[in-house]
């Protein structure tokens, strides 16, 4: 049975770490006024390709660098006032 648990938990470990990284990124991003989803979307728009592990590490240990990443990502987000709602005539 130990082998089955070891095999299963190697997969669970990956899920657990990904969840931890997301929580750390979300906490750092919310301090800057964004949500995790908005931040990841903005990172894709800005063509910044860093994985969650690296982002979480930067958020934890390099606060100034992470703030610069957030500022870069925010610059690529569309403004709230620019959105238009399609009205059916």
PDB file of N, CA and C in Angstrom:
ATOM      1  N   UNK A   1       0.831  -1.208   0.000  1.00  0.00           N
ATOM      2  CA  UNK A   1       0.000   0.000   0.000  1.00  0.00           C
ATOM      3  C   UNK A   1       0.867   1.259   0.000  1.00  0.00           C
ATOM      4  N   UNK A   2       2.036   1.180   0.578  1.00  0.00           N
ATOM      5  CA  UNK A   2       2.915   2.351   0.658  1.00  0.00           C
ATOM      6  C   UNK A   2       3.273   2.856  -0.731  1.00  0.00           C
ATOM      7  N   UNK A   3       3.493   1.946  -1.646  1.00  0.00           N
ATOM      8  CA  UNK A   3       3.833   2.347  -3.001  1.00  0.00           C
ATOM      9  C   UNK A   3       2.691   3.091  -3.675  1.00  0.00           C
ATOM     10  N   UNK A   4       1.465   2.660  -3.399  1.00  0.00           N
ATOM     11  CA  UNK A   4       0.300   3.347  -3.974  1.00  0.00           C
ATOM     12  C   UNK A   4       0.174   4.757  -3.416  1.00  0.00           C
ATOM     13  N   UNK A   5       0.383   4.897  -2.114  1.00  0.00           N
ATOM     14  CA  UNK A   5       0.314   6.224  -1.504  1.00  0.00           C
ATOM     15  C   UNK A   5       1.418   7.123  -2.040  1.00  0.00           C
ATOM     16  N   UNK A   6       2.613   6.573  -2.200  1.00  0.00           N
ATOM     17  CA  UNK A   6       3.742   7.361  -2.700  1.00  0.00           C
ATOM     18  C   UNK A   6       3.455   7.847  -4.119  1.00  0.00           C
ATOM     19  N   UNK A   7       2.922   6.963  -4.962  1.00  0.00           N
ATOM     20  CA  UNK A   7       2.600   7.339  -6.338  1.00  0.00           C
ATOM     21  C   UNK A   7       1.538   8.427  -6.355  1.00  0.00           C
ATOM     22  N   UNK A   8       0.487   8.234  -5.575  1.00  0.00           N
ATOM     23  CA  UNK A   8      -0.608   9.207  -5.528  1.00  0.00           C
ATOM     24  C   UNK A   8      -0.112  10.553  -5.010  1.00  0.00           C
ATOM     25  N   UNK A   9       0.683  10.522  -3.972  1.00  0.00           N
ATOM     26  CA  UNK A   9       1.090  11.773  -3.336  1.00  0.00           C
ATOM     27  C   UNK A   9       2.139  12.546  -4.133  1.00  0.00           C
ATOM     28  N   UNK A  10       2.817  11.887  -5.051  1.00  0.00           N
ATOM     29  CA  UNK A  10       3.691  12.640  -5.948  1.00  0.00           C
ATOM     30  C   UNK A  10       2.854  13.561  -6.839  1.00  0.00           C
ATOM     31  N   UNK A  11       1.661  13.115  -7.196  1.00  0.00           N
ATOM     32  CA  UNK A  11       0.755  13.951  -7.991  1.00  0.00           C
ATOM     33  C   UNK A  11       0.129  15.036  -7.119  1.00  0.00           C
ATOM     34  N   UNK A  12      -0.252  14.701  -5.909  1.00  0.00           N
ATOM     35  CA  UNK A  12      -0.882  15.648  -4.993  1.00  0.00           C
ATOM     36  C   UNK A  12       0.087  16.768  -4.623  1.00  0.00           C
ATOM     37  N   UNK A  13       1.366  16.424  -4.493  1.00  0.00           N
ATOM     38  CA  UNK A  13       2.384  17.418  -4.153  1.00  0.00           C
ATOM     39  C   UNK A  13       2.425  18.536  -5.187  1.00  0.00           C
ATOM     40  N   UNK A  14       2.326  18.183  -6.469  1.00  0.00           N
ATOM     41  CA  UNK A  14       2.335  19.179  -7.539  1.00  0.00           C
ATOM     42  C   UNK A  14       1.129  20.112  -7.431  1.00  0.00           C
ATOM     43  N   UNK A  15      -0.050  19.536  -7.148  1.00  0.00           N
ATOM     44  CA  UNK A  15      -1.261  20.351  -6.992  1.00  0.00           C
ATOM     45  C   UNK A  15      -1.152  21.270  -5.792  1.00  0.00           C
ATOM     46  N   UNK A  16      -0.593  20.756  -4.714  1.00  0.00           N
ATOM     47  CA  UNK A  16      -0.481  21.542  -3.480  1.00  0.00           C
ATOM     48  C   UNK A  16       0.451  22.742  -3.667  1.00  0.00           C
ATOM     49  N   UNK A  17       1.567  22.511  -4.326  1.00  0.00           N
ATOM     50  CA  UNK A  17       2.496  23.615  -4.539  1.00  0.00           C
ATOM     51  C   UNK A  17       1.918  24.659  -5.476  1.00  0.00           C
ATOM     52  N   UNK A  18       1.218  24.216  -6.527  1.00  0.00           N
ATOM     53  CA  UNK A  18       0.605  25.183  -7.435  1.00  0.00           C
ATOM     54  C   UNK A  18      -0.406  26.039  -6.685  1.00  0.00           C
ATOM     55  N   UNK A  19      -1.210  25.425  -5.812  1.00  0.00           N
ATOM     56  CA  UNK A  19      -2.185  26.176  -5.011  1.00  0.00           C
ATOM     57  C   UNK A  19      -1.485  27.166  -4.089  1.00  0.00           C
ATOM     58  N   UNK A  20      -0.371  26.766  -3.493  1.00  0.00           N
ATOM     59  CA  UNK A  20       0.390  27.650  -2.612  1.00  0.00           C
ATOM     60  C   UNK A  20       0.943  28.842  -3.379  1.00  0.00           C
ATOM     61  N   UNK A  21       1.486  28.581  -4.570  1.00  0.00           N
ATOM     62  CA  UNK A  21       2.034  29.677  -5.374  1.00  0.00           C
ATOM     63  C   UNK A  21       0.940  30.663  -5.754  1.00  0.00           C
ATOM     64  N   UNK A  22      -0.222  30.153  -6.121  1.00  0.00           N
ATOM     65  CA  UNK A  22      -1.338  31.022  -6.508  1.00  0.00           C
ATOM     66  C   UNK A  22      -1.770  31.881  -5.324  1.00  0.00           C
ATOM     67  N   UNK A  23      -1.824  31.300  -4.135  1.00  0.00           N
ATOM     68  CA  UNK A  23      -2.206  32.051  -2.939  1.00  0.00           C
ATOM     69  C   UNK A  23      -1.203  33.159  -2.657  1.00  0.00           C
ATOM     70  N   UNK A  24       0.071  32.871  -2.788  1.00  0.00           N
ATOM     71  CA  UNK A  24       1.093  33.886  -2.528  1.00  0.00           C
ATOM     72  C   UNK A  24       1.032  35.022  -3.546  1.00  0.00           C
ATOM     73  N   UNK A  25       0.858  34.665  -4.813  1.00  0.00           N
ATOM     74  CA  UNK A  25       0.756  35.690  -5.852  1.00  0.00           C
ATOM     75  C   UNK A  25      -0.486  36.534  -5.622  1.00  0.00           C
ATOM     76  N   UNK A  26      -1.604  35.892  -5.318  1.00  0.00           N
ATOM     77  CA  UNK A  26      -2.860  36.602  -5.108  1.00  0.00           C
ATOM     78  C   UNK A  26      -2.742  37.591  -3.951  1.00  0.00           C
ATOM     79  N   UNK A  27      -2.103  37.186  -2.866  1.00  0.00           N
ATOM     80  CA  UNK A  27      -1.944  38.075  -1.710  1.00  0.00           C
ATOM     81  C   UNK A  27      -1.115  39.301  -2.079  1.00  0.00           C
ATOM     82  N   UNK A  28      -0.041  39.091  -2.835  1.00  0.00           N
ATOM     83  CA  UNK A  28       0.823  40.211  -3.213  1.00  0.00           C
ATOM     84  C   UNK A  28       0.128  41.129  -4.216  1.00  0.00           C
ATOM     85  N   UNK A  29      -0.650  40.557  -5.115  1.00  0.00           N
ATOM     86  CA  UNK A  29      -1.305  41.336  -6.161  1.00  0.00           C
ATOM     87  C   UNK A  29      -2.468  42.151  -5.583  1.00  0.00           C
ATOM     88  N   UNK A  30      -3.188  41.581  -4.640  1.00  0.00           N
ATOM     89  CA  UNK A  30      -4.321  42.296  -4.039  1.00  0.00           C
ATOM     90  C   UNK A  30      -3.868  43.543  -3.281  1.00  0.00           C
ATOM     91  N   UNK A  31      -2.641  43.523  -2.779  1.00  0.00           N
ATOM     92  CA  UNK A  31      -2.100  44.711  -2.109  1.00  0.00           C
ATOM     93  C   UNK A  31      -1.932  45.861  -3.103  1.00  0.00           C
ATOM     94  N   UNK A  32      -1.831  45.523  -4.385  1.00  0.00           N
ATOM     95  CA  UNK A  32      -1.661  46.533  -5.439  1.00  0.00           C
ATOM     96  C   UNK A  32      -2.980  46.866  -6.133  1.00  0.00           C
ATOM     97  N   UNK A  33      -4.078  46.276  -5.696  1.00  0.00           N
ATOM     98  CA  UNK A  33      -5.384  46.623  -6.237  1.00  0.00           C
ATOM     99  C   UNK A  33      -5.870  45.780  -7.399  1.00  0.00           C
ATOM    100  N   UNK A  34      -5.273  44.631  -7.617  1.00  0.00           N
ATOM    101  CA  UNK A  34      -5.723  43.722  -8.673  1.00  0.00           C
ATOM    102  C   UNK A  34      -6.119  42.386  -8.060  1.00  0.00           C
ATOM    103  N   UNK A  35      -6.775  41.560  -8.854  1.00  0.00           N
ATOM    104  CA  UNK A  35      -7.024  40.185  -8.438  1.00  0.00           C
ATOM    105  C   UNK A  35      -6.028  39.292  -9.156  1.00  0.00           C
ATOM    106  N   UNK A  36      -5.945  38.066  -8.729  1.00  0.00           N
ATOM    107  CA  UNK A  36      -5.020  37.116  -9.342  1.00  0.00           C
ATOM    108  C   UNK A  36      -5.339  36.937 -10.825  1.00  0.00           C
ATOM    109  N   UNK A  37      -6.615  36.754 -11.144  1.00  0.00           N
ATOM    110  CA  UNK A  37      -7.021  36.543 -12.528  1.00  0.00           C
ATOM    111  C   UNK A  37      -6.709  37.733 -13.417  1.00  0.00           C
ATOM    112  N   UNK A  38      -6.966  38.923 -12.913  1.00  0.00           N
ATOM    113  CA  UNK A  38      -6.650  40.133 -13.678  1.00  0.00           C
ATOM    114  C   UNK A  38      -5.150  40.238 -13.917  1.00  0.00           C
ATOM    115  N   UNK A  39      -4.373  39.902 -12.905  1.00  0.00           N
ATOM    116  CA  UNK A  39      -2.916  39.990 -13.011  1.00  0.00           C
ATOM    117  C   UNK A  39      -2.377  39.003 -14.046  1.00  0.00           C
ATOM    118  N   UNK A  40      -2.844  37.764 -14.002  1.00  0.00           N
ATOM    119  CA  UNK A  40      -2.370  36.758 -14.954  1.00  0.00           C
ATOM    120  C   UNK A  40      -2.771  37.156 -16.373  1.00  0.00           C
ATOM    121  N   UNK A  41      -3.975  37.684 -16.532  1.00  0.00           N
ATOM    122  CA  UNK A  41      -4.424  38.143 -17.849  1.00  0.00           C
ATOM    123  C   UNK A  41      -3.532  39.289 -18.339  1.00  0.00           C
ATOM    124  N   UNK A  42      -3.242  40.232 -17.457  1.00  0.00           N
ATOM    125  CA  UNK A  42      -2.394  41.365 -17.821  1.00  0.00           C
ATOM    126  C   UNK A  42      -0.978  40.901 -18.166  1.00  0.00           C
ATOM    127  N   UNK A  43      -0.485  39.898 -17.459  1.00  0.00           N
ATOM    128  CA  UNK A  43       0.851  39.365 -17.769  1.00  0.00           C
ATOM    129  C   UNK A  43       0.880  38.772 -19.177  1.00  0.00           C
ATOM    130  N   UNK A  44      -0.189  38.083 -19.554  1.00  0.00           N
ATOM    131  CA  UNK A  44      -0.247  37.512 -20.901  1.00  0.00           C
ATOM    132  C   UNK A  44      -0.322  38.621 -21.954  1.00  0.00           C
ATOM    133  N   UNK A  45      -1.096  39.677 -21.674  1.00  0.00           N
ATOM    134  CA  UNK A  45      -1.185  40.797 -22.609  1.00  0.00           C
ATOM    135  C   UNK A  45       0.156  41.503 -22.765  1.00  0.00           C
ATOM    136  N   UNK A  46       0.929  41.558 -21.682  1.00  0.00           N
ATOM    137  CA  UNK A  46       2.232  42.228 -21.697  1.00  0.00           C
ATOM    138  C   UNK A  46       3.350  41.321 -22.213  1.00  0.00           C
ATOM    139  N   UNK A  47       3.000  40.095 -22.574  1.00  0.00           N
ATOM    140  CA  UNK A  47       3.976  39.105 -23.056  1.00  0.00           C
ATOM    141  C   UNK A  47       5.089  38.852 -22.045  1.00  0.00           C
ATOM    142  N   UNK A  48       4.728  38.796 -20.776  1.00  0.00           N
ATOM    143  CA  UNK A  48       5.675  38.453 -19.722  1.00  0.00           C
ATOM    144  C   UNK A  48       5.430  36.988 -19.374  1.00  0.00           C
ATOM    145  N   UNK A  49       6.386  36.132 -19.702  1.00  0.00           N
ATOM    146  CA  UNK A  49       6.220  34.694 -19.529  1.00  0.00           C
ATOM    147  C   UNK A  49       7.032  34.204 -18.330  1.00  0.00           C
ATOM    148  N   UNK A  50       6.453  34.329 -17.164  1.00  0.00           N
ATOM    149  CA  UNK A  50       7.054  33.778 -15.955  1.00  0.00           C
ATOM    150  C   UNK A  50       6.053  32.797 -15.355  1.00  0.00           C
ATOM    151  N   UNK A  51       6.542  31.660 -14.906  1.00  0.00           N
ATOM    152  CA  UNK A  51       5.613  30.699 -14.337  1.00  0.00           C
ATOM    153  C   UNK A  51       5.260  31.074 -12.898  1.00  0.00           C
ATOM    154  N   UNK A  52       4.296  30.387 -12.365  1.00  0.00           N
ATOM    155  CA  UNK A  52       3.770  30.724 -11.041  1.00  0.00           C
ATOM    156  C   UNK A  52       4.807  30.530  -9.943  1.00  0.00           C
ATOM    157  N   UNK A  53       5.665  29.533 -10.095  1.00  0.00           N
ATOM    158  CA  UNK A  53       6.706  29.284  -9.104  1.00  0.00           C
ATOM    159  C   UNK A  53       7.641  30.490  -8.997  1.00  0.00           C
ATOM    160  N   UNK A  54       8.067  31.000 -10.137  1.00  0.00           N
ATOM    161  CA  UNK A  54       8.984  32.138 -10.156  1.00  0.00           C
ATOM    162  C   UNK A  54       8.274  33.399  -9.648  1.00  0.00           C
ATOM    163  N   UNK A  55       7.029  33.610 -10.091  1.00  0.00           N
ATOM    164  CA  UNK A  55       6.279  34.779  -9.639  1.00  0.00           C
ATOM    165  C   UNK A  55       6.096  34.769  -8.120  1.00  0.00           C
ATOM    166  N   UNK A  56       5.774  33.599  -7.568  1.00  0.00           N
ATOM    167  CA  UNK A  56       5.588  33.493  -6.120  1.00  0.00           C
ATOM    168  C   UNK A  56       6.886  33.787  -5.380  1.00  0.00           C
ATOM    169  N   UNK A  57       8.006  33.310  -5.916  1.00  0.00           N
ATOM    170  CA  UNK A  57       9.302  33.553  -5.285  1.00  0.00           C
ATOM    171  C   UNK A  57       9.650  35.041  -5.336  1.00  0.00           C
ATOM    172  N   UNK A  58       9.405  35.676  -6.475  1.00  0.00           N
ATOM    173  CA  UNK A  58       9.675  37.115  -6.593  1.00  0.00           C
ATOM    174  C   UNK A  58       8.775  37.892  -5.639  1.00  0.00           C
ATOM    175  N   UNK A  59       7.514  37.498  -5.544  1.00  0.00           N
ATOM    176  CA  UNK A  59       6.572  38.186  -4.652  1.00  0.00           C
ATOM    177  C   UNK A  59       7.005  38.079  -3.193  1.00  0.00           C
ATOM    178  N   UNK A  60       7.557  36.936  -2.817  1.00  0.00           N
ATOM    179  CA  UNK A  60       7.947  36.719  -1.421  1.00  0.00           C
ATOM    180  C   UNK A  60       9.267  37.412  -1.066  1.00  0.00           C
ATOM    181  N   UNK A  61      10.233  37.388  -1.991  1.00  0.00           N
ATOM    182  CA  UNK A  61      11.577  37.826  -1.639  1.00  0.00           C
ATOM    183  C   UNK A  61      12.027  39.133  -2.286  1.00  0.00           C
ATOM    184  N   UNK A  62      11.402  39.516  -3.387  1.00  0.00           N
ATOM    185  CA  UNK A  62      11.804  40.719  -4.116  1.00  0.00           C
ATOM    186  C   UNK A  62      10.586  41.619  -4.319  1.00  0.00           C
ATOM    187  N   UNK A  63      10.150  42.279  -3.257  1.00  0.00           N
ATOM    188  CA  UNK A  63       8.937  43.083  -3.309  1.00  0.00           C
ATOM    189  C   UNK A  63       8.966  44.196  -4.334  1.00  0.00           C
ATOM    190  N   UNK A  64      10.099  44.891  -4.451  1.00  0.00           N
ATOM    191  CA  UNK A  64      10.198  45.998  -5.401  1.00  0.00           C
ATOM    192  C   UNK A  64      10.110  45.489  -6.832  1.00  0.00           C
ATOM    193  N   UNK A  65      10.765  44.378  -7.110  1.00  0.00           N
ATOM    194  CA  UNK A  65      10.737  43.804  -8.457  1.00  0.00           C
ATOM    195  C   UNK A  65       9.331  43.347  -8.811  1.00  0.00           C
ATOM    196  N   UNK A  66       8.625  42.775  -7.836  1.00  0.00           N
ATOM    197  CA  UNK A  66       7.263  42.322  -8.093  1.00  0.00           C
ATOM    198  C   UNK A  66       6.343  43.509  -8.337  1.00  0.00           C
ATOM    199  N   UNK A  67       6.547  44.593  -7.613  1.00  0.00           N
ATOM    200  CA  UNK A  67       5.751  45.799  -7.847  1.00  0.00           C
ATOM    201  C   UNK A  67       5.993  46.339  -9.256  1.00  0.00           C
ATOM    202  N   UNK A  68       7.227  46.240  -9.737  1.00  0.00           N
ATOM    203  CA  UNK A  68       7.525  46.673 -11.094  1.00  0.00           C
ATOM    204  C   UNK A  68       6.823  45.785 -12.117  1.00  0.00           C
ATOM    205  N   UNK A  69       6.770  44.478 -11.844  1.00  0.00           N
ATOM    206  CA  UNK A  69       6.040  43.568 -12.730  1.00  0.00           C
ATOM    207  C   UNK A  69       4.559  43.914 -12.765  1.00  0.00           C
ATOM    208  N   UNK A  70       3.996  44.225 -11.607  1.00  0.00           N
ATOM    209  CA  UNK A  70       2.578  44.583 -11.539  1.00  0.00           C
ATOM    210  C   UNK A  70       2.325  45.865 -12.320  1.00  0.00           C
ATOM    211  N   UNK A  71       3.219  46.838 -12.184  1.00  0.00           N
ATOM    212  CA  UNK A  71       3.062  48.097 -12.911  1.00  0.00           C
ATOM    213  C   UNK A  71       3.119  47.860 -14.419  1.00  0.00           C
ATOM    214  N   UNK A  72       4.032  47.012 -14.862  1.00  0.00           N
ATOM    215  CA  UNK A  72       4.129  46.683 -16.288  1.00  0.00           C
ATOM    216  C   UNK A  72       2.856  46.005 -16.767  1.00  0.00           C
ATOM    217  N   UNK A  73       2.348  45.082 -15.971  1.00  0.00           N
ATOM    218  CA  UNK A  73       1.150  44.347 -16.355  1.00  0.00           C
ATOM    219  C   UNK A  73      -0.067  45.277 -16.380  1.00  0.00           C
ATOM    220  N   UNK A  74      -0.170  46.157 -15.383  1.00  0.00           N
ATOM    221  CA  UNK A  74      -1.300  47.096 -15.324  1.00  0.00           C
ATOM    222  C   UNK A  74      -1.345  47.998 -16.545  1.00  0.00           C
ATOM    223  N   UNK A  75      -0.195  48.358 -17.068  1.00  0.00           N
ATOM    224  CA  UNK A  75      -0.127  49.243 -18.227  1.00  0.00           C
ATOM    225  C   UNK A  75      -0.756  48.606 -19.456  1.00  0.00           C
ATOM    226  N   UNK A  76      -0.830  47.284 -19.501  1.00  0.00           N
ATOM    227  CA  UNK A  76      -1.388  46.592 -20.656  1.00  0.00           C
ATOM    228  C   UNK A  76      -2.858  46.224 -20.486  1.00  0.00           C
ATOM    229  N   UNK A  77      -3.421  46.505 -19.319  1.00  0.00           N
ATOM    230  CA  UNK A  77      -4.846  46.240 -19.113  1.00  0.00           C
ATOM    231  C   UNK A  77      -5.678  47.330 -19.766  1.00  0.00           C
ATOM    232  N   UNK A  78      -6.805  46.969 -20.371  1.00  0.00           N
ATOM    233  CA  UNK A  78      -7.692  48.008 -20.894  1.00  0.00           C
ATOM    234  C   UNK A  78      -8.312  48.777 -19.725  1.00  0.00           C
ATOM    235  N   UNK A  79      -8.519  50.069 -19.924  1.00  0.00           N
ATOM    236  CA  UNK A  79      -9.110  50.888 -18.863  1.00  0.00           C
ATOM    237  C   UNK A  79     -10.582  50.550 -18.688  1.00  0.00           C
ATOM    238  N   UNK A  80     -11.090  50.756 -17.479  1.00  0.00           N
ATOM    239  CA  UNK A  80     -12.494  50.471 -17.191  1.00  0.00           C
ATOM    240  C   UNK A  80     -13.422  51.338 -18.030  1.00  0.00           C
ATOM    241  N   UNK A  81     -13.057  52.594 -18.275  1.00  0.00           N
ATOM    242  CA  UNK A  81     -13.900  53.520 -19.015  1.00  0.00           C
ATOM    243  C   UNK A  81     -13.946  53.209 -20.510  1.00  0.00           C
ATOM    244  N   UNK A  82     -12.996  52.426 -20.999  1.00  0.00           N
ATOM    245  CA  UNK A  82     -12.933  52.129 -22.429  1.00  0.00           C
ATOM    246  C   UNK A  82     -13.938  51.069 -22.859  1.00  0.00           C
ATOM    247  N   UNK A  83     -14.462  50.337 -21.922  1.00  0.00           N
ATOM    248  CA  UNK A  83     -15.396  49.270 -22.266  1.00  0.00           C
ATOM    249  C   UNK A  83     -16.751  49.851 -22.644  1.00  0.00           C
ATOM    250  N   UNK A  84     -17.255  49.387 -23.734  1.00  0.00           N
ATOM    251  CA  UNK A  84     -18.588  49.825 -24.156  1.00  0.00           C
ATOM    252  C   UNK A  84     -19.521  48.640 -24.124  1.00  0.00           C
ATOM    253  N   UNK A  85     -20.738  48.884 -23.747  1.00  0.00           N
ATOM    254  CA  UNK A  85     -21.726  47.820 -23.655  1.00  0.00           C
ATOM    255  C   UNK A  85     -22.564  47.869 -24.918  1.00  0.00           C
ATOM    256  N   UNK A  86     -22.686  46.739 -25.578  1.00  0.00           N
ATOM    257  CA  UNK A  86     -23.499  46.661 -26.792  1.00  0.00           C
ATOM    258  C   UNK A  86     -24.967  46.674 -26.402  1.00  0.00           C
ATOM    259  N   UNK A  87     -25.693  47.618 -26.937  1.00  0.00           N
ATOM    260  CA  UNK A  87     -27.110  47.746 -26.626  1.00  0.00           C
ATOM    261  C   UNK A  87     -27.914  47.292 -27.837  1.00  0.00           C
ATOM    262  N   UNK A  88     -28.800  46.361 -27.589  1.00  0.00           N
ATOM    263  CA  UNK A  88     -29.649  45.856 -28.685  1.00  0.00           C
ATOM    264  C   UNK A  88     -30.694  46.919 -29.012  1.00  0.00           C
ATOM    265  N   UNK A  89     -30.828  47.234 -30.282  1.00  0.00           N
ATOM    266  CA  UNK A  89     -31.765  48.278 -30.692  1.00  0.00           C
ATOM    267  C   UNK A  89     -33.176  47.756 -30.830  1.00  0.00           C
TER     268      UNK A  89
END
